[in-house]
Amino acid sequence: MLSDDIEWRVSEGLLPYPETLAEMEARAAAVHEGKARELVWLLEHPPLYTAGTSAGPQDLIAPDRFPVYPVGRGGKYTYHGPGQRVGYLVLDLDRRGRDVRCFVHKLETWLIGALADLGVEAWIAEGRVGVWTEAHDREAKIGAIGVRVRRWVTLHGFSVNIAPDLSHFGGIVPCGLPDYPVTSLADLGKVAEVKQFDDALRSGFEAFLSGLGGASAADGRSPSGG
């Protein structure tokens, strides 16, 4: 049962990035001020690239292919587009435990559990943020994570590849890792319905929330991404 103080929002269609970013940031400010509920927002974007705080020009291979948006989350370049589930999390860590590392770890674990429900074995790779699996006899990335914590309220979140056009990743070096391909549920021959992934996320959400907490991290504003 979802708590009354958290809104679970699923948006249809392709949402424009600048307006979505502005709404997320306004919601985070309102959550900090105690004027709005926390938010889990699931959506899709039109094809675009985002540049995190560690993005370098060498990783942008095709700068004119899709719009490029600099953002405040951690990490390097990431692709968003149709067939990819993006999740923005606006959660108050001031009340859920001021531990950014715990938040990122539990987020990874939540995504891994949702993928397992759909028949995909995924894992965390040492030294590489994100969610990984095996595709065509190679380790490949299926989910990216990029978060920011401002005044102990989280922004941004994750993206998981359900059935996007994987060729669109070719305009960047995804997350600055040139030696690793990307994959998707469709590429793996698994279920490729976004709603089924949403349902798997929802079923594991309470466990994700209950895992948050503990001692505070050194800096609640430290970004993490990839």
C-alpha atoms as a PDB file:
ATOM      1  CA  MET A   1       0.000   0.000   0.000  1.00  0.00           C
ATOM      2  CA  LEU A   2       1.559   3.290  -1.077  1.00  0.00           C
ATOM      3  CA  SER A   3       1.868   5.865   1.688  1.00  0.00           C
ATOM      4  CA  ASP A   4      -0.427   8.884   1.409  1.00  0.00           C
ATOM      5  CA  ASP A   5       2.586  11.215   1.542  1.00  0.00           C
ATOM      6  CA  ILE A   6       4.059   9.849  -1.713  1.00  0.00           C
ATOM      7  CA  GLU A   7       2.562  10.440  -5.149  1.00  0.00           C
ATOM      8  CA  TRP A   8       3.102   7.633  -7.685  1.00  0.00           C
ATOM      9  CA  ARG A   9       2.682   9.274 -11.086  1.00  0.00           C
ATOM     10  CA  VAL A  10       2.778   7.546 -14.483  1.00  0.00           C
ATOM     11  CA  SER A  11       2.702   9.937 -17.451  1.00  0.00           C
ATOM     12  CA  GLU A  12       1.631   8.885 -20.929  1.00  0.00           C
ATOM     13  CA  GLY A  13       3.243  10.085 -24.156  1.00  0.00           C
ATOM     14  CA  LEU A  14       6.670  11.661 -24.607  1.00  0.00           C
ATOM     15  CA  LEU A  15       7.306  14.475 -22.152  1.00  0.00           C
ATOM     16  CA  PRO A  16       9.572  17.375 -23.205  1.00  0.00           C
ATOM     17  CA  TYR A  17      12.728  17.449 -21.139  1.00  0.00           C
ATOM     18  CA  PRO A  18      13.044  21.130 -20.101  1.00  0.00           C
ATOM     19  CA  GLU A  19       9.488  21.358 -18.797  1.00  0.00           C
ATOM     20  CA  THR A  20       9.821  18.042 -16.976  1.00  0.00           C
ATOM     21  CA  LEU A  21      13.080  19.128 -15.355  1.00  0.00           C
ATOM     22  CA  ALA A  22      11.533  22.414 -14.238  1.00  0.00           C
ATOM     23  CA  GLU A  23       8.543  20.649 -12.696  1.00  0.00           C
ATOM     24  CA  MET A  24      10.764  18.158 -10.881  1.00  0.00           C
ATOM     25  CA  GLU A  25      12.945  20.924  -9.435  1.00  0.00           C
ATOM     26  CA  ALA A  26       9.906  22.931  -8.328  1.00  0.00           C
ATOM     27  CA  ARG A  27       8.461  19.822  -6.677  1.00  0.00           C
ATOM     28  CA  ALA A  28      11.755  19.173  -4.854  1.00  0.00           C
ATOM     29  CA  ALA A  29      11.746  22.712  -3.477  1.00  0.00           C
ATOM     30  CA  ALA A  30       8.145  22.308  -2.316  1.00  0.00           C
ATOM     31  CA  VAL A  31       8.950  18.970  -0.653  1.00  0.00           C
ATOM     32  CA  HIS A  32      11.835  20.592   1.217  1.00  0.00           C
ATOM     33  CA  GLU A  33       9.498  23.319   2.432  1.00  0.00           C
ATOM     34  CA  GLY A  34       6.882  20.794   3.515  1.00  0.00           C
ATOM     35  CA  LYS A  35       4.381  22.090   0.967  1.00  0.00           C
ATOM     36  CA  ALA A  36       4.106  19.012  -1.294  1.00  0.00           C
ATOM     37  CA  ARG A  37       4.151  15.247  -1.179  1.00  0.00           C
ATOM     38  CA  GLU A  38       7.167  13.248  -2.248  1.00  0.00           C
ATOM     39  CA  LEU A  39       7.033  11.946  -5.809  1.00  0.00           C
ATOM     40  CA  VAL A  40       7.868   8.907  -7.901  1.00  0.00           C
ATOM     41  CA  TRP A  41       7.381   9.957 -11.523  1.00  0.00           C
ATOM     42  CA  LEU A  42       7.559   7.373 -14.334  1.00  0.00           C
ATOM     43  CA  LEU A  43       7.677   8.676 -17.891  1.00  0.00           C
ATOM     44  CA  GLU A  44       9.286   8.620 -21.339  1.00  0.00           C
ATOM     45  CA  HIS A  45      11.077  11.384 -23.238  1.00  0.00           C
ATOM     46  CA  PRO A  46      11.550  12.047 -26.953  1.00  0.00           C
ATOM     47  CA  PRO A  47      15.079  11.218 -28.173  1.00  0.00           C
ATOM     48  CA  LEU A  48      17.672  13.382 -26.406  1.00  0.00           C
ATOM     49  CA  TYR A  49      21.020  13.312 -24.648  1.00  0.00           C
ATOM     50  CA  THR A  50      21.705  14.621 -21.159  1.00  0.00           C
ATOM     51  CA  ALA A  51      25.135  15.707 -19.950  1.00  0.00           C
ATOM     52  CA  GLY A  52      25.876  15.128 -16.272  1.00  0.00           C
ATOM     53  CA  THR A  53      28.377  17.038 -14.187  1.00  0.00           C
ATOM     54  CA  SER A  54      31.271  14.801 -15.324  1.00  0.00           C
ATOM     55  CA  ALA A  55      30.462  14.877 -19.065  1.00  0.00           C
ATOM     56  CA  GLY A  56      33.348  15.675 -21.415  1.00  0.00           C
ATOM     57  CA  PRO A  57      33.223  16.708 -25.084  1.00  0.00           C
ATOM     58  CA  GLN A  58      35.086  13.576 -26.149  1.00  0.00           C
ATOM     59  CA  ASP A  59      32.063  11.481 -25.184  1.00  0.00           C
ATOM     60  CA  LEU A  60      29.615  13.374 -27.419  1.00  0.00           C
ATOM     61  CA  ILE A  61      30.113  11.672 -30.788  1.00  0.00           C
ATOM     62  CA  ALA A  62      27.171  13.158 -32.698  1.00  0.00           C
ATOM     63  CA  PRO A  63      26.335  16.552 -31.167  1.00  0.00           C
ATOM     64  CA  ASP A  64      23.755  17.384 -33.840  1.00  0.00           C
ATOM     65  CA  ARG A  65      21.839  14.116 -33.759  1.00  0.00           C
ATOM     66  CA  PHE A  66      19.472  14.900 -30.867  1.00  0.00           C
ATOM     67  CA  PRO A  67      19.072  17.814 -28.450  1.00  0.00           C
ATOM     68  CA  VAL A  68      21.677  17.880 -25.679  1.00  0.00           C
ATOM     69  CA  TYR A  69      20.730  19.117 -22.204  1.00  0.00           C
ATOM     70  CA  PRO A  70      23.258  19.868 -19.450  1.00  0.00           C
ATOM     71  CA  VAL A  71      21.835  18.739 -16.102  1.00  0.00           C
ATOM     72  CA  GLY A  72      22.891  18.835 -12.469  1.00  0.00           C
ATOM     73  CA  ARG A  73      22.890  15.084 -11.824  1.00  0.00           C
ATOM     74  CA  GLY A  74      26.071  13.082 -11.507  1.00  0.00           C
ATOM     75  CA  GLY A  75      27.573  11.062 -14.312  1.00  0.00           C
ATOM     76  CA  LYS A  76      28.404  11.698 -17.956  1.00  0.00           C
ATOM     77  CA  TYR A  77      26.273  11.466 -21.110  1.00  0.00           C
ATOM     78  CA  THR A  78      23.034   9.501 -21.076  1.00  0.00           C
ATOM     79  CA  TYR A  79      20.425   8.874 -23.747  1.00  0.00           C
ATOM     80  CA  HIS A  80      16.675   9.100 -23.143  1.00  0.00           C
ATOM     81  CA  GLY A  81      14.044   8.164 -25.689  1.00  0.00           C
ATOM     82  CA  PRO A  82      10.888   6.216 -26.514  1.00  0.00           C
ATOM     83  CA  GLY A  83      10.829   2.688 -25.150  1.00  0.00           C
ATOM     84  CA  GLN A  84      12.947   3.603 -22.154  1.00  0.00           C
ATOM     85  CA  ARG A  85      11.402   3.935 -18.713  1.00  0.00           C
ATOM     86  CA  VAL A  86      12.675   6.997 -16.895  1.00  0.00           C
ATOM     87  CA  GLY A  87      11.996   7.347 -13.195  1.00  0.00           C
ATOM     88  CA  TYR A  88      12.390  10.631 -11.328  1.00  0.00           C
ATOM     89  CA  LEU A  89      12.470  10.354  -7.552  1.00  0.00           C
ATOM     90  CA  VAL A  90      11.737  13.338  -5.341  1.00  0.00           C
ATOM     91  CA  LEU A  91      12.209  11.867  -1.873  1.00  0.00           C
ATOM     92  CA  ASP A  92      13.035  13.571   1.411  1.00  0.00           C
ATOM     93  CA  LEU A  93      16.155  11.969   2.850  1.00  0.00           C
ATOM     94  CA  ASP A  94      15.942  14.297   5.815  1.00  0.00           C
ATOM     95  CA  ARG A  95      13.142  12.046   7.057  1.00  0.00           C
ATOM     96  CA  ARG A  96      14.310   8.806   5.429  1.00  0.00           C
ATOM     97  CA  GLY A  97      17.937   8.789   6.567  1.00  0.00           C
ATOM     98  CA  ARG A  98      20.638  11.190   5.420  1.00  0.00           C
ATOM     99  CA  ASP A  99      22.649   8.537   3.633  1.00  0.00           C
ATOM    100  CA  VAL A 100      23.228   9.167  -0.060  1.00  0.00           C
ATOM    101  CA  ARG A 101      25.266   6.010  -0.612  1.00  0.00           C
ATOM    102  CA  CYS A 102      22.508   3.935   0.949  1.00  0.00           C
ATOM    103  CA  PHE A 103      19.956   5.640  -1.298  1.00  0.00           C
ATOM    104  CA  VAL A 104      21.912   4.844  -4.482  1.00  0.00           C
ATOM    105  CA  HIS A 105      22.568   1.261  -3.395  1.00  0.00           C
ATOM    106  CA  LYS A 106      18.918   0.623  -2.522  1.00  0.00           C
ATOM    107  CA  LEU A 107      17.874   2.192  -5.831  1.00  0.00           C
ATOM    108  CA  GLU A 108      20.144  -0.219  -7.709  1.00  0.00           C
ATOM    109  CA  THR A 109      18.746  -3.126  -5.680  1.00  0.00           C
ATOM    110  CA  TRP A 110      15.164  -2.044  -6.422  1.00  0.00           C
ATOM    111  CA  LEU A 111      15.814  -1.993 -10.181  1.00  0.00           C
ATOM    112  CA  ILE A 112      17.597  -5.347 -10.074  1.00  0.00           C
ATOM    113  CA  GLY A 113      14.597  -6.860  -8.295  1.00  0.00           C
ATOM    114  CA  ALA A 114      12.166  -5.454 -10.853  1.00  0.00           C
ATOM    115  CA  LEU A 115      14.229  -6.886 -13.697  1.00  0.00           C
ATOM    116  CA  ALA A 116      14.380 -10.263 -11.944  1.00  0.00           C
ATOM    117  CA  ASP A 117      10.570 -10.288 -11.845  1.00  0.00           C
ATOM    118  CA  LEU A 118      10.675 -10.077 -15.659  1.00  0.00           C
ATOM    119  CA  GLY A 119      13.212 -12.860 -16.044  1.00  0.00           C
ATOM    120  CA  VAL A 120      16.410 -10.819 -16.357  1.00  0.00           C
ATOM    121  CA  GLU A 121      19.349 -11.495 -14.066  1.00  0.00           C
ATOM    122  CA  ALA A 122      21.082  -8.176 -13.403  1.00  0.00           C
ATOM    123  CA  TRP A 123      23.765  -6.966 -11.049  1.00  0.00           C
ATOM    124  CA  ILE A 124      25.954  -4.121  -9.808  1.00  0.00           C
ATOM    125  CA  ALA A 125      29.464  -3.997 -11.309  1.00  0.00           C
ATOM    126  CA  GLU A 126      32.403  -2.936  -9.177  1.00  0.00           C
ATOM    127  CA  GLY A 127      33.519   0.565 -10.105  1.00  0.00           C
ATOM    128  CA  ARG A 128      30.673   1.098 -12.579  1.00  0.00           C
ATOM    129  CA  VAL A 129      27.454   2.733 -11.415  1.00  0.00           C
ATOM    130  CA  GLY A 130      24.282   1.401 -12.944  1.00  0.00           C
ATOM    131  CA  VAL A 131      22.644  -1.943 -13.602  1.00  0.00           C
ATOM    132  CA  TRP A 132      24.272  -4.617 -15.748  1.00  0.00           C
ATOM    133  CA  THR A 133      23.353  -7.931 -17.324  1.00  0.00           C
ATOM    134  CA  GLU A 134      24.622 -10.347 -19.983  1.00  0.00           C
ATOM    135  CA  ALA A 135      23.645  -9.793 -23.600  1.00  0.00           C
ATOM    136  CA  HIS A 136      25.001 -11.753 -26.554  1.00  0.00           C
ATOM    137  CA  ASP A 137      27.823 -13.232 -24.441  1.00  0.00           C
ATOM    138  CA  ARG A 138      28.973  -9.811 -23.200  1.00  0.00           C
ATOM    139  CA  GLU A 139      28.340  -7.753 -20.109  1.00  0.00           C
ATOM    140  CA  ALA A 140      26.018  -4.908 -21.091  1.00  0.00           C
ATOM    141  CA  LYS A 141      24.281  -2.018 -19.397  1.00  0.00           C
ATOM    142  CA  ILE A 142      20.507  -2.145 -19.113  1.00  0.00           C
ATOM    143  CA  GLY A 143      19.922   0.602 -16.548  1.00  0.00           C
ATOM    144  CA  ALA A 144      21.541   3.948 -15.748  1.00  0.00           C
ATOM    145  CA  ILE A 145      21.415   5.865 -12.487  1.00  0.00           C
ATOM    146  CA  GLY A 146      22.067   9.556 -12.033  1.00  0.00           C
ATOM    147  CA  VAL A 147      20.938  11.377  -8.923  1.00  0.00           C
ATOM    148  CA  ARG A 148      21.375  14.664  -7.170  1.00  0.00           C
ATOM    149  CA  VAL A 149      20.524  15.485  -3.589  1.00  0.00           C
ATOM    150  CA  ARG A 150      19.734  19.114  -2.814  1.00  0.00           C
ATOM    151  CA  ARG A 151      18.908  20.102   0.782  1.00  0.00           C
ATOM    152  CA  TRP A 152      18.438  16.373   1.401  1.00  0.00           C
ATOM    153  CA  VAL A 153      15.730  16.032  -1.262  1.00  0.00           C
ATOM    154  CA  THR A 154      16.551  13.731  -4.183  1.00  0.00           C
ATOM    155  CA  LEU A 155      16.266  14.717  -7.846  1.00  0.00           C
ATOM    156  CA  HIS A 156      16.618  12.776 -11.114  1.00  0.00           C
ATOM    157  CA  GLY A 157      16.797   9.010 -10.683  1.00  0.00           C
ATOM    158  CA  PHE A 158      17.112   6.182 -13.213  1.00  0.00           C
ATOM    159  CA  SER A 159      16.453   4.950 -16.724  1.00  0.00           C
ATOM    160  CA  VAL A 160      15.905   1.335 -17.764  1.00  0.00           C
ATOM    161  CA  ASN A 161      15.870   0.161 -21.362  1.00  0.00           C
ATOM    162  CA  ILE A 162      12.649  -1.644 -22.169  1.00  0.00           C
ATOM    163  CA  ALA A 163      12.491  -1.464 -25.991  1.00  0.00           C
ATOM    164  CA  PRO A 164      14.298   1.687 -27.180  1.00  0.00           C
ATOM    165  CA  ASP A 165      16.122   2.061 -30.485  1.00  0.00           C
ATOM    166  CA  LEU A 166      19.561   1.003 -29.270  1.00  0.00           C
ATOM    167  CA  SER A 167      21.229   2.653 -32.265  1.00  0.00           C
ATOM    168  CA  HIS A 168      20.392   6.007 -30.670  1.00  0.00           C
ATOM    169  CA  PHE A 169      23.035   5.338 -28.027  1.00  0.00           C
ATOM    170  CA  GLY A 170      25.628   5.537 -30.808  1.00  0.00           C
ATOM    171  CA  GLY A 171      25.722   9.335 -30.664  1.00  0.00           C
ATOM    172  CA  ILE A 172      27.426   9.271 -27.272  1.00  0.00           C
ATOM    173  CA  VAL A 173      29.778   7.167 -25.195  1.00  0.00           C
ATOM    174  CA  PRO A 174      27.114   6.054 -22.708  1.00  0.00           C
ATOM    175  CA  CYS A 175      28.181   6.994 -19.198  1.00  0.00           C
ATOM    176  CA  GLY A 176      31.764   7.357 -20.456  1.00  0.00           C
ATOM    177  CA  LEU A 177      32.265   3.585 -20.837  1.00  0.00           C
ATOM    178  CA  PRO A 178      33.297   2.893 -24.456  1.00  0.00           C
ATOM    179  CA  ASP A 179      34.075  -0.790 -23.915  1.00  0.00           C
ATOM    180  CA  TYR A 180      30.598  -1.847 -22.838  1.00  0.00           C
ATOM    181  CA  PRO A 181      27.447  -2.119 -24.990  1.00  0.00           C
ATOM    182  CA  VAL A 182      23.924  -1.279 -23.929  1.00  0.00           C
ATOM    183  CA  THR A 183      21.018  -3.675 -24.051  1.00  0.00           C
ATOM    184  CA  SER A 184      17.288  -3.768 -23.353  1.00  0.00           C
ATOM    185  CA  LEU A 185      14.541  -6.168 -22.378  1.00  0.00           C
ATOM    186  CA  ALA A 186      13.536  -6.419 -26.042  1.00  0.00           C
ATOM    187  CA  ASP A 187      17.142  -7.061 -27.091  1.00  0.00           C
ATOM    188  CA  LEU A 188      17.261  -9.910 -24.574  1.00  0.00           C
ATOM    189  CA  GLY A 189      14.051 -11.390 -25.947  1.00  0.00           C
ATOM    190  CA  LYS A 190      12.138 -10.644 -22.749  1.00  0.00           C
ATOM    191  CA  VAL A 191       8.831  -8.921 -22.162  1.00  0.00           C
ATOM    192  CA  ALA A 192       8.987  -5.440 -23.639  1.00  0.00           C
ATOM    193  CA  GLU A 193       5.911  -3.749 -22.185  1.00  0.00           C
ATOM    194  CA  VAL A 194       6.654  -0.671 -20.107  1.00  0.00           C
ATOM    195  CA  LYS A 195       3.586  -1.265 -17.937  1.00  0.00           C
ATOM    196  CA  GLN A 196       4.850  -4.663 -16.849  1.00  0.00           C
ATOM    197  CA  PHE A 197       8.111  -3.101 -15.730  1.00  0.00           C
ATOM    198  CA  ASP A 198       6.126  -0.400 -13.905  1.00  0.00           C
ATOM    199  CA  ASP A 199       4.153  -3.095 -12.097  1.00  0.00           C
ATOM    200  CA  ALA A 200       7.379  -4.808 -11.054  1.00  0.00           C
ATOM    201  CA  LEU A 201       8.708  -1.490  -9.731  1.00  0.00           C
ATOM    202  CA  ARG A 202       5.530  -0.870  -7.786  1.00  0.00           C
ATOM    203  CA  SER A 203       5.602  -4.300  -6.156  1.00  0.00           C
ATOM    204  CA  GLY A 204       9.126  -3.692  -4.858  1.00  0.00           C
ATOM    205  CA  PHE A 205       8.714  -0.060  -3.857  1.00  0.00           C
ATOM    206  CA  GLU A 206       7.831  -0.571  -0.199  1.00  0.00           C
ATOM    207  CA  ALA A 207      10.928  -2.747   0.285  1.00  0.00           C
ATOM    208  CA  PHE A 208      13.029  -0.020  -1.349  1.00  0.00           C
ATOM    209  CA  LEU A 209      11.628   2.625   1.006  1.00  0.00           C
ATOM    210  CA  SER A 210      12.034   0.482   4.099  1.00  0.00           C
ATOM    211  CA  GLY A 211      15.700  -0.038   3.228  1.00  0.00           C
ATOM    212  CA  LEU A 212      16.498   3.647   3.385  1.00  0.00           C
ATOM    213  CA  GLY A 213      17.944   5.124   6.567  1.00  0.00           C
ATOM    214  CA  GLY A 214      21.000   4.801   8.733  1.00  0.00           C
ATOM    215  CA  ALA A 215      23.897   7.089   9.510  1.00  0.00           C
ATOM    216  CA  SER A 216      24.244  10.227   7.412  1.00  0.00           C
ATOM    217  CA  ALA A 217      26.698  10.398   4.544  1.00  0.00           C
ATOM    218  CA  ALA A 218      29.525  12.915   4.566  1.00  0.00           C
ATOM    219  CA  ASP A 219      27.833  15.157   2.003  1.00  0.00           C
ATOM    220  CA  GLY A 220      24.161  14.895   1.159  1.00  0.00           C
ATOM    221  CA  ARG A 221      24.679  16.920  -2.005  1.00  0.00           C
ATOM    222  CA  SER A 222      27.175  14.552  -3.574  1.00  0.00           C
ATOM    223  CA  PRO A 223      25.994  13.425  -7.014  1.00  0.00           C
ATOM    224  CA  SER A 224      26.282   9.901  -8.319  1.00  0.00           C
ATOM    225  CA  GLY A 225      25.644   8.715 -11.832  1.00  0.00           C
ATOM    226  CA  GLY A 226      26.285   6.353 -14.673  1.00  0.00           C
END
